[in-house]
Amino acid sequence: MATQRLSPASLVAIVVLAGLAAGTYWLVQRTLPSDADRAPYVKQHIPDYFADDMVISTLSATGLTQYRVNAVHMTHYEDDQTTAMTMPAVRAFTPNQPEVTATSKRGTLNADMSVVDLYDDAVVVRQAGPRDPQMRALSQHFQVLVNDDIVRTELPVQLFRGASVMYGDGMIFNNISRAVQLLGNVHGTIQPAELGGNRPAPAAAPSAPLQTKPGPKTP
C-alpha cells in the first residue's frame, strides 16, 4: 500500500489553518462577557434624574387635589426611589376646611409619595377657619403622612394659635379632626378666648381644640 506524503505547501496550509482556528477561539473567548459582567446590576444610592420647579399632586377618591408638593429642586435616587427636595412646600386641600401649608429648607419624599419629611426651619400653617384662629407650628422636623392626613414631629415644637403660645417636645396634628396634640413637657400661655369663653359658636365646622398630653414622643 502506497504511503501518501504531504508536501511542504500542505503542511504550511495546515499550520496556518490551525493558527487561524486558535486565533478565532481566542477572540471569541475575549468577547464573551465575564462572570462579573453577567452578574445582575445592583442599584446604588445615586441620582438617576433631576428636576427644577417640581410639582406633584395627589388626588382623592373623588378626583380632587388632596395634596400638592412643590420644590425648587429635586433629586431622585435609583435604589430606594426616594426624592430629595430643596425648599419644599406641602399643601393640603380638604373640602370646607382651611388650607394647611408646610414648608422647610429641605425635605424627602418616599417612593409611593405617602410620606413627606421636612427638615430645617420647618413651618406648618393652618389658615383661620370659622371657629379656629390661624395656627402656626415651628420645629426642625415635620413628617406629613399623606394617607392619614396627619402632621407630626418628635422634636421640640413651638405652637402659635391665635394669641396663645405653647411649647412641647413633640406634636401630632390631625388634619381631619383639626385637633392639635402636644407631647412631652408642655408649657406656655393659653388666652381665655382660646378656651371658648369669649368666642361665638356658629354652626359651622367643628372646633379644633388644643390638646396637651404628657407622654412619649412620636416615633
N, C-alpha and C. Protein backbone atom coordinates (compact mmCIF):
# COMPACT_ATOMS: atom_id res chain seq x y z
N MET A 1 0.86 -1.19 0.00
CA MET A 1 0.00 0.00 0.00
C MET A 1 0.90 1.23 0.00
N ALA A 2 0.59 2.13 -0.87
CA ALA A 2 1.44 3.32 -1.03
C ALA A 2 1.15 4.31 0.09
N THR A 3 2.16 4.92 0.59
CA THR A 3 2.02 5.94 1.64
C THR A 3 2.02 7.32 1.01
N GLN A 4 0.94 8.11 1.36
CA GLN A 4 0.79 9.45 0.77
C GLN A 4 1.55 10.45 1.64
N ARG A 5 2.46 11.11 1.00
CA ARG A 5 3.21 12.13 1.72
C ARG A 5 2.60 13.51 1.52
N LEU A 6 2.71 14.32 2.58
CA LEU A 6 2.24 15.70 2.49
C LEU A 6 3.37 16.58 2.01
N SER A 7 3.01 17.38 1.10
CA SER A 7 4.01 18.31 0.57
C SER A 7 4.25 19.42 1.57
N PRO A 8 5.38 20.10 1.47
CA PRO A 8 5.65 21.24 2.37
C PRO A 8 4.55 22.30 2.30
N ALA A 9 4.00 22.52 1.11
CA ALA A 9 2.93 23.53 0.98
C ALA A 9 1.71 23.13 1.78
N SER A 10 1.39 21.81 1.76
CA SER A 10 0.23 21.33 2.53
C SER A 10 0.47 21.49 4.01
N LEU A 11 1.67 21.19 4.47
CA LEU A 11 1.98 21.37 5.88
C LEU A 11 1.84 22.82 6.32
N VAL A 12 2.31 23.72 5.48
CA VAL A 12 2.19 25.15 5.79
C VAL A 12 0.72 25.55 5.87
N ALA A 13 -0.09 25.02 4.93
CA ALA A 13 -1.52 25.36 4.95
C ALA A 13 -2.19 24.85 6.21
N ILE A 14 -1.83 23.64 6.63
CA ILE A 14 -2.43 23.08 7.85
C ILE A 14 -2.05 23.92 9.06
N VAL A 15 -0.78 24.33 9.14
CA VAL A 15 -0.33 25.16 10.27
C VAL A 15 -1.06 26.49 10.28
N VAL A 16 -1.22 27.08 9.09
CA VAL A 16 -1.91 28.37 9.00
C VAL A 16 -3.36 28.24 9.45
N LEU A 17 -4.06 27.18 8.98
CA LEU A 17 -5.45 26.97 9.37
C LEU A 17 -5.59 26.73 10.87
N ALA A 18 -4.66 25.95 11.42
CA ALA A 18 -4.69 25.71 12.86
C ALA A 18 -4.48 27.00 13.63
N GLY A 19 -3.58 27.84 13.15
CA GLY A 19 -3.36 29.13 13.81
C GLY A 19 -4.58 30.03 13.75
N LEU A 20 -5.24 30.01 12.54
CA LEU A 20 -6.46 30.82 12.41
C LEU A 20 -7.56 30.33 13.35
N ALA A 21 -7.68 29.00 13.47
CA ALA A 21 -8.70 28.45 14.37
C ALA A 21 -8.41 28.83 15.81
N ALA A 22 -7.14 28.72 16.19
CA ALA A 22 -6.77 29.09 17.57
C ALA A 22 -7.00 30.57 17.83
N GLY A 23 -6.66 31.40 16.84
CA GLY A 23 -6.87 32.84 17.00
C GLY A 23 -8.34 33.18 17.09
N THR A 24 -9.16 32.51 16.27
CA THR A 24 -10.60 32.76 16.33
C THR A 24 -11.17 32.38 17.68
N TYR A 25 -10.76 31.24 18.21
CA TYR A 25 -11.24 30.80 19.52
C TYR A 25 -10.85 31.79 20.60
N TRP A 26 -9.61 32.30 20.51
CA TRP A 26 -9.15 33.28 21.49
C TRP A 26 -9.97 34.56 21.44
N LEU A 27 -10.25 35.02 20.20
CA LEU A 27 -11.05 36.23 20.06
C LEU A 27 -12.46 36.04 20.60
N VAL A 28 -13.06 34.88 20.35
CA VAL A 28 -14.42 34.61 20.87
C VAL A 28 -14.42 34.63 22.39
N GLN A 29 -13.42 34.00 22.99
CA GLN A 29 -13.35 33.99 24.45
C GLN A 29 -13.15 35.38 25.03
N ARG A 30 -12.41 36.20 24.29
CA ARG A 30 -12.19 37.57 24.77
C ARG A 30 -13.45 38.41 24.71
N THR A 31 -14.30 38.14 23.73
CA THR A 31 -15.51 38.94 23.57
C THR A 31 -16.67 38.45 24.42
N LEU A 32 -16.60 37.24 24.94
CA LEU A 32 -17.67 36.74 25.80
C LEU A 32 -17.67 37.51 27.12
N PRO A 33 -18.87 37.81 27.67
CA PRO A 33 -18.92 38.52 28.96
C PRO A 33 -18.35 37.67 30.08
N SER A 34 -17.65 38.33 30.98
CA SER A 34 -17.08 37.63 32.13
C SER A 34 -18.16 37.37 33.16
N ASP A 35 -17.79 36.61 34.19
CA ASP A 35 -18.75 36.35 35.27
C ASP A 35 -19.19 37.63 35.95
N ALA A 36 -18.25 38.59 36.08
CA ALA A 36 -18.60 39.87 36.70
C ALA A 36 -19.59 40.63 35.83
N ASP A 37 -19.39 40.54 34.47
CA ASP A 37 -20.31 41.23 33.58
C ASP A 37 -21.69 40.60 33.59
N ARG A 38 -21.75 39.28 33.80
CA ARG A 38 -23.04 38.59 33.80
C ARG A 38 -23.79 38.74 35.11
N ALA A 39 -23.16 39.27 36.18
CA ALA A 39 -23.82 39.45 37.47
C ALA A 39 -24.91 40.49 37.35
N PRO A 40 -26.03 40.31 38.07
CA PRO A 40 -27.13 41.28 37.99
C PRO A 40 -26.69 42.65 38.51
N TYR A 41 -27.23 43.69 37.92
CA TYR A 41 -26.89 45.06 38.31
C TYR A 41 -27.51 45.38 39.66
N VAL A 42 -26.71 45.86 40.57
CA VAL A 42 -27.18 46.24 41.89
C VAL A 42 -27.35 47.76 41.92
N LYS A 43 -28.59 48.20 42.17
CA LYS A 43 -28.85 49.63 42.20
C LYS A 43 -28.14 50.27 43.39
N GLN A 44 -27.65 51.46 43.17
CA GLN A 44 -26.93 52.21 44.19
C GLN A 44 -27.68 53.48 44.55
N HIS A 45 -27.29 54.06 45.68
CA HIS A 45 -27.95 55.30 46.10
C HIS A 45 -27.29 56.48 45.38
N ILE A 46 -27.56 56.54 44.10
CA ILE A 46 -27.04 57.62 43.26
C ILE A 46 -28.19 58.23 42.49
N PRO A 47 -28.10 59.51 42.15
CA PRO A 47 -29.21 60.15 41.41
C PRO A 47 -29.38 59.53 40.03
N ASP A 48 -30.63 59.34 39.63
CA ASP A 48 -30.90 58.90 38.27
C ASP A 48 -31.64 59.94 37.45
N TYR A 49 -32.21 60.95 38.10
CA TYR A 49 -32.71 62.11 37.35
C TYR A 49 -32.94 63.28 38.30
N PHE A 50 -33.01 64.47 37.71
CA PHE A 50 -33.16 65.72 38.45
C PHE A 50 -34.33 66.50 37.84
N ALA A 51 -34.81 67.49 38.59
CA ALA A 51 -35.86 68.37 38.07
C ALA A 51 -35.86 69.67 38.87
N ASP A 52 -36.18 70.75 38.21
CA ASP A 52 -36.36 72.05 38.85
C ASP A 52 -37.84 72.42 38.82
N ASP A 53 -38.25 73.22 39.82
CA ASP A 53 -39.64 73.68 39.91
C ASP A 53 -40.61 72.50 39.84
N MET A 54 -40.37 71.52 40.69
CA MET A 54 -41.18 70.31 40.71
C MET A 54 -42.56 70.57 41.30
N VAL A 55 -43.58 69.96 40.73
CA VAL A 55 -44.94 70.00 41.25
C VAL A 55 -45.53 68.60 41.15
N ILE A 56 -45.92 68.03 42.29
CA ILE A 56 -46.54 66.71 42.33
C ILE A 56 -47.86 66.84 43.08
N SER A 57 -48.93 66.30 42.52
CA SER A 57 -50.24 66.35 43.15
C SER A 57 -50.76 64.95 43.39
N THR A 58 -51.41 64.76 44.53
CA THR A 58 -52.10 63.50 44.81
C THR A 58 -53.59 63.80 44.86
N LEU A 59 -54.37 62.88 44.33
CA LEU A 59 -55.82 63.09 44.20
C LEU A 59 -56.57 62.23 45.21
N SER A 60 -57.72 62.73 45.62
CA SER A 60 -58.59 61.96 46.50
C SER A 60 -59.39 60.97 45.67
N ALA A 61 -60.23 60.17 46.34
CA ALA A 61 -61.05 59.18 45.63
C ALA A 61 -62.05 59.84 44.69
N THR A 62 -62.39 61.10 44.95
CA THR A 62 -63.34 61.82 44.10
C THR A 62 -62.66 62.56 42.96
N GLY A 63 -61.33 62.47 42.89
CA GLY A 63 -60.60 63.12 41.81
C GLY A 63 -60.16 64.53 42.10
N LEU A 64 -60.41 65.01 43.32
CA LEU A 64 -59.98 66.35 43.69
C LEU A 64 -58.55 66.32 44.23
N THR A 65 -57.85 67.45 44.10
CA THR A 65 -56.49 67.53 44.61
C THR A 65 -56.52 67.47 46.14
N GLN A 66 -55.81 66.49 46.70
CA GLN A 66 -55.75 66.32 48.15
C GLN A 66 -54.48 66.95 48.72
N TYR A 67 -53.34 66.65 48.07
CA TYR A 67 -52.07 67.23 48.47
C TYR A 67 -51.32 67.69 47.23
N ARG A 68 -50.56 68.77 47.41
CA ARG A 68 -49.69 69.24 46.33
C ARG A 68 -48.32 69.51 46.93
N VAL A 69 -47.29 68.94 46.30
CA VAL A 69 -45.91 69.09 46.77
C VAL A 69 -45.13 69.89 45.73
N ASN A 70 -44.55 70.99 46.16
CA ASN A 70 -43.71 71.82 45.31
C ASN A 70 -42.29 71.82 45.85
N ALA A 71 -41.32 71.99 44.96
CA ALA A 71 -39.92 72.11 45.37
C ALA A 71 -39.16 72.89 44.32
N VAL A 72 -38.20 73.67 44.77
CA VAL A 72 -37.36 74.43 43.84
C VAL A 72 -36.49 73.48 43.04
N HIS A 73 -36.00 72.43 43.69
CA HIS A 73 -35.16 71.44 43.01
C HIS A 73 -35.39 70.08 43.64
N MET A 74 -35.35 69.03 42.82
CA MET A 74 -35.49 67.68 43.33
C MET A 74 -34.46 66.76 42.70
N THR A 75 -34.04 65.77 43.50
CA THR A 75 -33.10 64.74 43.04
C THR A 75 -33.69 63.38 43.39
N HIS A 76 -33.84 62.53 42.37
CA HIS A 76 -34.41 61.20 42.58
C HIS A 76 -33.29 60.17 42.62
N TYR A 77 -33.39 59.20 43.55
CA TYR A 77 -32.36 58.17 43.72
C TYR A 77 -32.89 56.81 43.27
N GLU A 78 -32.01 56.07 42.59
CA GLU A 78 -32.46 54.86 41.91
C GLU A 78 -32.69 53.67 42.83
N ASP A 79 -31.97 53.58 43.95
CA ASP A 79 -32.07 52.35 44.75
C ASP A 79 -33.36 52.28 45.55
N ASP A 80 -33.70 53.33 46.30
CA ASP A 80 -34.91 53.30 47.13
C ASP A 80 -36.04 54.15 46.58
N GLN A 81 -35.83 54.75 45.40
CA GLN A 81 -36.86 55.54 44.73
C GLN A 81 -37.31 56.75 45.57
N THR A 82 -36.44 57.22 46.46
CA THR A 82 -36.78 58.41 47.23
C THR A 82 -36.39 59.66 46.47
N THR A 83 -36.94 60.79 46.91
CA THR A 83 -36.68 62.06 46.27
C THR A 83 -36.23 63.07 47.32
N ALA A 84 -35.09 63.69 47.09
CA ALA A 84 -34.61 64.77 47.96
C ALA A 84 -35.04 66.10 47.35
N MET A 85 -35.55 67.00 48.21
CA MET A 85 -36.11 68.26 47.71
C MET A 85 -35.45 69.45 48.39
N THR A 86 -35.32 70.53 47.63
CA THR A 86 -34.83 71.80 48.15
C THR A 86 -35.99 72.78 48.20
N MET A 87 -36.16 73.42 49.36
CA MET A 87 -37.24 74.38 49.60
C MET A 87 -38.61 73.77 49.25
N PRO A 88 -38.95 72.67 49.89
CA PRO A 88 -40.24 72.04 49.59
C PRO A 88 -41.40 72.78 50.27
N ALA A 89 -42.58 72.62 49.70
CA ALA A 89 -43.82 73.15 50.27
C ALA A 89 -44.91 72.11 50.02
N VAL A 90 -45.61 71.75 51.09
CA VAL A 90 -46.69 70.77 51.00
C VAL A 90 -47.99 71.47 51.37
N ARG A 91 -49.00 71.35 50.50
CA ARG A 91 -50.30 71.97 50.75
C ARG A 91 -51.38 70.90 50.79
N ALA A 92 -52.20 70.97 51.84
CA ALA A 92 -53.30 70.02 52.00
C ALA A 92 -54.61 70.74 51.71
N PHE A 93 -55.41 70.13 50.85
CA PHE A 93 -56.70 70.71 50.47
C PHE A 93 -57.81 69.78 50.95
N THR A 94 -58.56 70.23 51.96
CA THR A 94 -59.68 69.47 52.50
C THR A 94 -60.95 70.26 52.25
N PRO A 95 -61.97 69.65 51.63
CA PRO A 95 -63.20 70.38 51.33
C PRO A 95 -63.80 71.00 52.59
N ASN A 96 -64.18 72.27 52.46
CA ASN A 96 -64.83 73.02 53.54
C ASN A 96 -63.96 73.19 54.78
N GLN A 97 -62.64 73.10 54.60
CA GLN A 97 -61.72 73.29 55.70
C GLN A 97 -60.62 74.27 55.28
N PRO A 98 -60.04 75.01 56.25
CA PRO A 98 -58.95 75.93 55.90
C PRO A 98 -57.75 75.18 55.32
N GLU A 99 -57.03 75.83 54.44
CA GLU A 99 -55.86 75.22 53.81
C GLU A 99 -54.72 75.09 54.81
N VAL A 100 -53.97 74.01 54.70
CA VAL A 100 -52.80 73.77 55.55
C VAL A 100 -51.57 73.72 54.66
N THR A 101 -50.52 74.46 55.05
CA THR A 101 -49.28 74.50 54.28
C THR A 101 -48.11 74.20 55.20
N ALA A 102 -47.21 73.35 54.74
CA ALA A 102 -45.99 73.02 55.49
C ALA A 102 -44.79 73.29 54.59
N THR A 103 -43.80 74.00 55.11
CA THR A 103 -42.62 74.36 54.33
C THR A 103 -41.36 74.11 55.15
N SER A 104 -40.23 74.04 54.47
CA SER A 104 -38.93 73.88 55.13
C SER A 104 -37.84 74.18 54.13
N LYS A 105 -36.59 74.09 54.57
CA LYS A 105 -35.46 74.33 53.68
C LYS A 105 -35.12 73.11 52.83
N ARG A 106 -35.33 71.91 53.38
CA ARG A 106 -35.08 70.69 52.62
C ARG A 106 -36.06 69.61 53.05
N GLY A 107 -36.21 68.61 52.23
CA GLY A 107 -37.15 67.56 52.56
C GLY A 107 -36.91 66.31 51.73
N THR A 108 -37.63 65.25 52.08
CA THR A 108 -37.56 63.99 51.33
C THR A 108 -38.96 63.47 51.10
N LEU A 109 -39.11 62.75 50.00
CA LEU A 109 -40.38 62.15 49.61
C LEU A 109 -40.13 60.67 49.36
N ASN A 110 -40.95 59.80 49.99
CA ASN A 110 -40.70 58.37 49.83
C ASN A 110 -41.19 57.88 48.47
N ALA A 111 -41.00 56.58 48.20
CA ALA A 111 -41.23 56.05 46.85
C ALA A 111 -42.67 56.18 46.39
N ASP A 112 -43.63 55.92 47.28
CA ASP A 112 -45.04 55.97 46.85
C ASP A 112 -45.71 57.29 47.19
N MET A 113 -44.90 58.29 47.58
CA MET A 113 -45.39 59.65 47.85
C MET A 113 -46.41 59.69 48.98
N SER A 114 -46.27 58.78 49.94
CA SER A 114 -47.20 58.76 51.07
C SER A 114 -46.62 59.44 52.30
N VAL A 115 -45.29 59.67 52.33
CA VAL A 115 -44.64 60.28 53.48
C VAL A 115 -43.72 61.39 53.00
N VAL A 116 -43.89 62.58 53.54
CA VAL A 116 -43.03 63.72 53.24
C VAL A 116 -42.36 64.15 54.54
N ASP A 117 -41.04 64.18 54.56
CA ASP A 117 -40.29 64.66 55.72
C ASP A 117 -39.71 66.03 55.40
N LEU A 118 -39.96 66.98 56.30
CA LEU A 118 -39.50 68.35 56.14
C LEU A 118 -38.49 68.66 57.23
N TYR A 119 -37.32 69.18 56.84
CA TYR A 119 -36.23 69.43 57.78
C TYR A 119 -35.75 70.88 57.66
N ASP A 120 -35.23 71.39 58.79
CA ASP A 120 -34.57 72.69 58.87
C ASP A 120 -35.58 73.83 58.72
N ASP A 121 -35.83 74.50 59.85
CA ASP A 121 -36.76 75.64 59.89
C ASP A 121 -38.10 75.27 59.26
N ALA A 122 -38.65 74.16 59.70
CA ALA A 122 -39.93 73.70 59.17
C ALA A 122 -41.08 74.48 59.83
N VAL A 123 -42.07 74.81 59.03
CA VAL A 123 -43.21 75.61 59.50
C VAL A 123 -44.50 74.98 58.96
N VAL A 124 -45.47 74.83 59.83
CA VAL A 124 -46.81 74.37 59.43
C VAL A 124 -47.80 75.48 59.75
N VAL A 125 -48.58 75.87 58.77
CA VAL A 125 -49.57 76.95 58.94
C VAL A 125 -50.93 76.43 58.53
N ARG A 126 -51.88 76.53 59.45
CA ARG A 126 -53.28 76.26 59.13
C ARG A 126 -54.01 77.60 59.13
N GLN A 127 -54.62 77.93 58.02
CA GLN A 127 -55.32 79.20 57.92
C GLN A 127 -56.50 79.24 58.89
N ALA A 128 -56.90 80.45 59.24
CA ALA A 128 -58.03 80.62 60.15
C ALA A 128 -59.31 80.06 59.54
N GLY A 129 -60.17 79.49 60.39
CA GLY A 129 -61.45 78.95 59.95
C GLY A 129 -62.60 79.65 60.63
N PRO A 130 -63.82 79.18 60.42
CA PRO A 130 -65.00 79.82 61.02
C PRO A 130 -64.92 79.91 62.54
N ARG A 131 -64.34 78.88 63.20
CA ARG A 131 -64.25 78.90 64.66
C ARG A 131 -62.82 78.83 65.17
N ASP A 132 -61.86 78.68 64.28
CA ASP A 132 -60.48 78.49 64.70
C ASP A 132 -59.61 79.63 64.21
N PRO A 133 -58.76 80.18 65.10
CA PRO A 133 -57.79 81.18 64.63
C PRO A 133 -56.69 80.50 63.83
N GLN A 134 -55.84 81.30 63.21
CA GLN A 134 -54.71 80.72 62.49
C GLN A 134 -53.80 79.97 63.45
N MET A 135 -53.28 78.87 63.01
CA MET A 135 -52.33 78.09 63.79
C MET A 135 -51.01 78.03 63.04
N ARG A 136 -49.91 78.21 63.77
CA ARG A 136 -48.58 78.14 63.16
C ARG A 136 -47.67 77.36 64.09
N ALA A 137 -47.03 76.34 63.56
CA ALA A 137 -46.13 75.50 64.35
C ALA A 137 -44.74 75.56 63.76
N LEU A 138 -43.73 75.65 64.64
CA LEU A 138 -42.33 75.75 64.22
C LEU A 138 -41.54 74.60 64.84
N SER A 139 -40.72 73.95 64.03
CA SER A 139 -39.87 72.87 64.51
C SER A 139 -38.77 72.64 63.48
N GLN A 140 -37.83 71.76 63.81
CA GLN A 140 -36.78 71.42 62.85
C GLN A 140 -37.12 70.18 62.03
N HIS A 141 -38.25 69.58 62.32
CA HIS A 141 -38.69 68.42 61.53
C HIS A 141 -40.19 68.25 61.66
N PHE A 142 -40.84 68.11 60.53
CA PHE A 142 -42.25 67.70 60.49
C PHE A 142 -42.36 66.56 59.48
N GLN A 143 -43.18 65.60 59.83
CA GLN A 143 -43.46 64.48 58.93
C GLN A 143 -44.93 64.52 58.54
N VAL A 144 -45.18 64.55 57.23
CA VAL A 144 -46.55 64.60 56.71
C VAL A 144 -46.93 63.19 56.24
N LEU A 145 -47.94 62.61 56.88
CA LEU A 145 -48.46 61.32 56.47
C LEU A 145 -49.66 61.57 55.56
N VAL A 146 -49.43 61.49 54.28
CA VAL A 146 -50.43 61.90 53.30
C VAL A 146 -51.70 61.06 53.41
N ASN A 147 -51.56 59.75 53.51
CA ASN A 147 -52.73 58.87 53.53
C ASN A 147 -53.56 59.01 54.80
N ASP A 148 -52.91 59.46 55.89
CA ASP A 148 -53.61 59.59 57.17
C ASP A 148 -54.01 61.02 57.49
N ASP A 149 -53.60 61.98 56.65
CA ASP A 149 -53.88 63.40 56.91
C ASP A 149 -53.37 63.82 58.29
N ILE A 150 -52.14 63.46 58.58
CA ILE A 150 -51.54 63.78 59.88
C ILE A 150 -50.18 64.44 59.65
N VAL A 151 -49.90 65.46 60.45
CA VAL A 151 -48.58 66.09 60.51
C VAL A 151 -48.05 65.89 61.93
N ARG A 152 -46.84 65.40 62.05
CA ARG A 152 -46.31 65.13 63.38
C ARG A 152 -44.82 65.46 63.43
N THR A 153 -44.32 65.60 64.67
CA THR A 153 -42.90 65.79 64.89
C THR A 153 -42.52 65.17 66.21
N GLU A 154 -41.30 64.67 66.29
CA GLU A 154 -40.75 64.12 67.52
C GLU A 154 -39.75 65.07 68.16
N LEU A 155 -39.60 66.26 67.56
CA LEU A 155 -38.65 67.26 68.05
C LEU A 155 -39.38 68.40 68.75
N PRO A 156 -38.67 69.20 69.55
CA PRO A 156 -39.31 70.34 70.21
C PRO A 156 -40.06 71.21 69.20
N VAL A 157 -41.22 71.68 69.63
CA VAL A 157 -42.10 72.44 68.74
C VAL A 157 -42.63 73.66 69.47
N GLN A 158 -42.79 74.74 68.73
CA GLN A 158 -43.40 75.97 69.24
C GLN A 158 -44.69 76.18 68.47
N LEU A 159 -45.80 76.34 69.20
CA LEU A 159 -47.12 76.40 68.57
C LEU A 159 -47.78 77.73 68.88
N PHE A 160 -48.18 78.44 67.84
CA PHE A 160 -48.94 79.68 67.97
C PHE A 160 -50.36 79.41 67.48
N ARG A 161 -51.34 79.68 68.33
CA ARG A 161 -52.75 79.51 67.95
C ARG A 161 -53.50 80.74 68.40
N GLY A 162 -53.76 81.63 67.43
CA GLY A 162 -54.30 82.92 67.81
C GLY A 162 -53.28 83.66 68.65
N ALA A 163 -53.70 84.12 69.84
CA ALA A 163 -52.79 84.82 70.75
C ALA A 163 -52.11 83.88 71.72
N SER A 164 -52.39 82.61 71.68
CA SER A 164 -51.79 81.64 72.60
C SER A 164 -50.47 81.13 72.05
N VAL A 165 -49.55 80.82 72.97
CA VAL A 165 -48.26 80.27 72.61
C VAL A 165 -48.00 79.07 73.50
N MET A 166 -47.68 77.93 72.88
CA MET A 166 -47.41 76.71 73.63
C MET A 166 -46.11 76.09 73.13
N TYR A 167 -45.47 75.32 74.02
CA TYR A 167 -44.23 74.63 73.70
C TYR A 167 -44.38 73.16 74.10
N GLY A 168 -43.78 72.28 73.33
CA GLY A 168 -43.84 70.86 73.64
C GLY A 168 -42.63 70.13 73.09
N ASP A 169 -42.50 68.88 73.50
CA ASP A 169 -41.41 68.04 73.00
C ASP A 169 -41.78 67.31 71.72
N GLY A 170 -43.00 67.42 71.29
CA GLY A 170 -43.48 66.78 70.07
C GLY A 170 -44.89 67.24 69.79
N MET A 171 -45.42 66.88 68.63
CA MET A 171 -46.75 67.33 68.26
C MET A 171 -47.37 66.38 67.26
N ILE A 172 -48.69 66.22 67.34
CA ILE A 172 -49.47 65.50 66.34
C ILE A 172 -50.63 66.38 65.94
N PHE A 173 -50.73 66.68 64.66
CA PHE A 173 -51.84 67.48 64.14
C PHE A 173 -52.66 66.62 63.19
N ASN A 174 -53.94 66.45 63.53
CA ASN A 174 -54.86 65.68 62.70
C ASN A 174 -55.60 66.65 61.79
N ASN A 175 -55.35 66.54 60.50
CA ASN A 175 -55.95 67.49 59.55
C ASN A 175 -57.43 67.22 59.32
N ILE A 176 -57.92 66.04 59.73
CA ILE A 176 -59.34 65.73 59.56
C ILE A 176 -60.15 66.28 60.74
N SER A 177 -59.72 65.97 61.96
CA SER A 177 -60.42 66.46 63.15
C SER A 177 -60.01 67.87 63.52
N ARG A 178 -58.90 68.36 62.95
CA ARG A 178 -58.34 69.69 63.22
C ARG A 178 -57.79 69.80 64.63
N ALA A 179 -57.58 68.68 65.31
CA ALA A 179 -57.08 68.68 66.68
C ALA A 179 -55.55 68.69 66.68
N VAL A 180 -55.00 69.45 67.64
CA VAL A 180 -53.56 69.53 67.83
C VAL A 180 -53.22 68.93 69.18
N GLN A 181 -52.30 68.01 69.21
CA GLN A 181 -51.88 67.36 70.45
C GLN A 181 -50.40 67.61 70.67
N LEU A 182 -50.07 68.27 71.78
CA LEU A 182 -48.69 68.50 72.16
C LEU A 182 -48.24 67.39 73.10
N LEU A 183 -46.99 66.97 72.98
CA LEU A 183 -46.48 65.83 73.73
C LEU A 183 -45.31 66.24 74.61
N GLY A 184 -45.07 65.41 75.63
CA GLY A 184 -43.90 65.61 76.47
C GLY A 184 -44.08 66.73 77.47
N ASN A 185 -43.04 67.53 77.67
CA ASN A 185 -43.06 68.64 78.60
C ASN A 185 -43.75 69.83 77.95
N VAL A 186 -45.02 70.00 78.25
CA VAL A 186 -45.84 71.03 77.60
C VAL A 186 -45.98 72.23 78.53
N HIS A 187 -45.73 73.41 78.01
CA HIS A 187 -45.91 74.63 78.79
C HIS A 187 -46.16 75.78 77.83
N GLY A 188 -46.68 76.88 78.39
CA GLY A 188 -46.96 78.03 77.57
C GLY A 188 -48.11 78.82 78.13
N THR A 189 -48.71 79.64 77.28
CA THR A 189 -49.81 80.51 77.69
C THR A 189 -50.98 80.33 76.74
N ILE A 190 -52.16 80.01 77.31
CA ILE A 190 -53.39 79.90 76.53
C ILE A 190 -54.30 81.06 76.92
N GLN A 191 -54.65 81.87 75.97
CA GLN A 191 -55.53 83.00 76.22
C GLN A 191 -56.95 82.52 76.53
N PRO A 192 -57.68 83.26 77.37
CA PRO A 192 -59.05 82.84 77.71
C PRO A 192 -59.93 82.62 76.49
N ALA A 193 -59.75 83.44 75.48
CA ALA A 193 -60.58 83.28 74.28
C ALA A 193 -60.36 81.94 73.62
N GLU A 194 -59.14 81.38 73.78
CA GLU A 194 -58.85 80.09 73.16
C GLU A 194 -59.53 78.93 73.88
N LEU A 195 -60.00 79.19 75.13
CA LEU A 195 -60.70 78.16 75.88
C LEU A 195 -62.18 78.13 75.57
N GLY A 196 -62.62 79.06 74.70
CA GLY A 196 -64.02 79.03 74.25
C GLY A 196 -64.93 79.95 75.02
N GLY A 197 -64.36 80.76 75.94
CA GLY A 197 -65.25 81.58 76.74
C GLY A 197 -65.77 82.79 76.03
N ASN A 198 -64.99 83.42 75.14
CA ASN A 198 -65.39 84.69 74.55
C ASN A 198 -65.64 84.61 73.06
N ARG A 199 -65.63 83.41 72.48
CA ARG A 199 -65.79 83.32 71.04
C ARG A 199 -67.20 82.91 70.68
N PRO A 200 -67.75 83.42 69.60
CA PRO A 200 -69.05 82.93 69.15
C PRO A 200 -68.93 81.50 68.67
N ALA A 201 -70.04 80.83 68.63
CA ALA A 201 -70.04 79.42 68.22
C ALA A 201 -71.02 79.21 67.08
N PRO A 202 -70.67 79.63 65.88
CA PRO A 202 -71.57 79.40 64.73
C PRO A 202 -71.65 77.93 64.41
N ALA A 203 -72.76 77.53 63.83
CA ALA A 203 -72.98 76.12 63.49
C ALA A 203 -72.29 75.80 62.18
N ALA A 204 -70.98 75.80 62.22
CA ALA A 204 -70.20 75.50 61.01
C ALA A 204 -69.40 74.25 61.29
N ALA A 205 -68.16 74.26 60.81
CA ALA A 205 -67.30 73.10 61.02
C ALA A 205 -66.99 72.95 62.50
N PRO A 206 -66.77 71.73 62.99
CA PRO A 206 -66.46 71.53 64.40
C PRO A 206 -65.17 72.20 64.79
N SER A 207 -65.14 72.65 66.06
CA SER A 207 -63.96 73.34 66.54
C SER A 207 -62.78 72.39 66.63
N ALA A 208 -61.58 72.96 66.53
CA ALA A 208 -60.36 72.16 66.64
C ALA A 208 -59.70 72.49 67.97
N PRO A 209 -59.96 71.73 69.03
CA PRO A 209 -59.42 72.07 70.35
C PRO A 209 -57.92 71.88 70.40
N LEU A 210 -57.31 72.62 71.27
CA LEU A 210 -55.88 72.47 71.54
C LEU A 210 -55.73 71.50 72.68
N GLN A 211 -55.09 70.38 72.44
CA GLN A 211 -54.94 69.34 73.45
C GLN A 211 -53.49 69.27 73.88
N THR A 212 -53.30 69.04 75.16
CA THR A 212 -51.95 68.81 75.67
C THR A 212 -51.95 67.47 76.38
N LYS A 213 -50.91 66.72 76.17
CA LYS A 213 -50.84 65.39 76.77
C LYS A 213 -49.40 65.02 77.00
N PRO A 214 -48.98 64.98 78.27
CA PRO A 214 -47.63 64.48 78.52
C PRO A 214 -47.54 63.02 78.22
N GLY A 215 -46.42 62.59 77.67
CA GLY A 215 -46.28 61.19 77.34
C GLY A 215 -45.12 60.98 76.42
N PRO A 216 -45.02 59.81 75.84
CA PRO A 216 -43.87 59.51 74.97
C PRO A 216 -43.94 60.30 73.69
N LYS A 217 -42.77 60.50 73.09
CA LYS A 217 -42.70 61.22 71.83
C LYS A 217 -43.19 60.33 70.71
N THR A 218 -43.55 60.97 69.61
CA THR A 218 -43.94 60.19 68.45
C THR A 218 -42.74 59.46 67.90
N PRO A 219 -42.97 58.34 67.23
CA PRO A 219 -41.83 57.58 66.68
C PRO A 219 -41.15 58.33 65.57
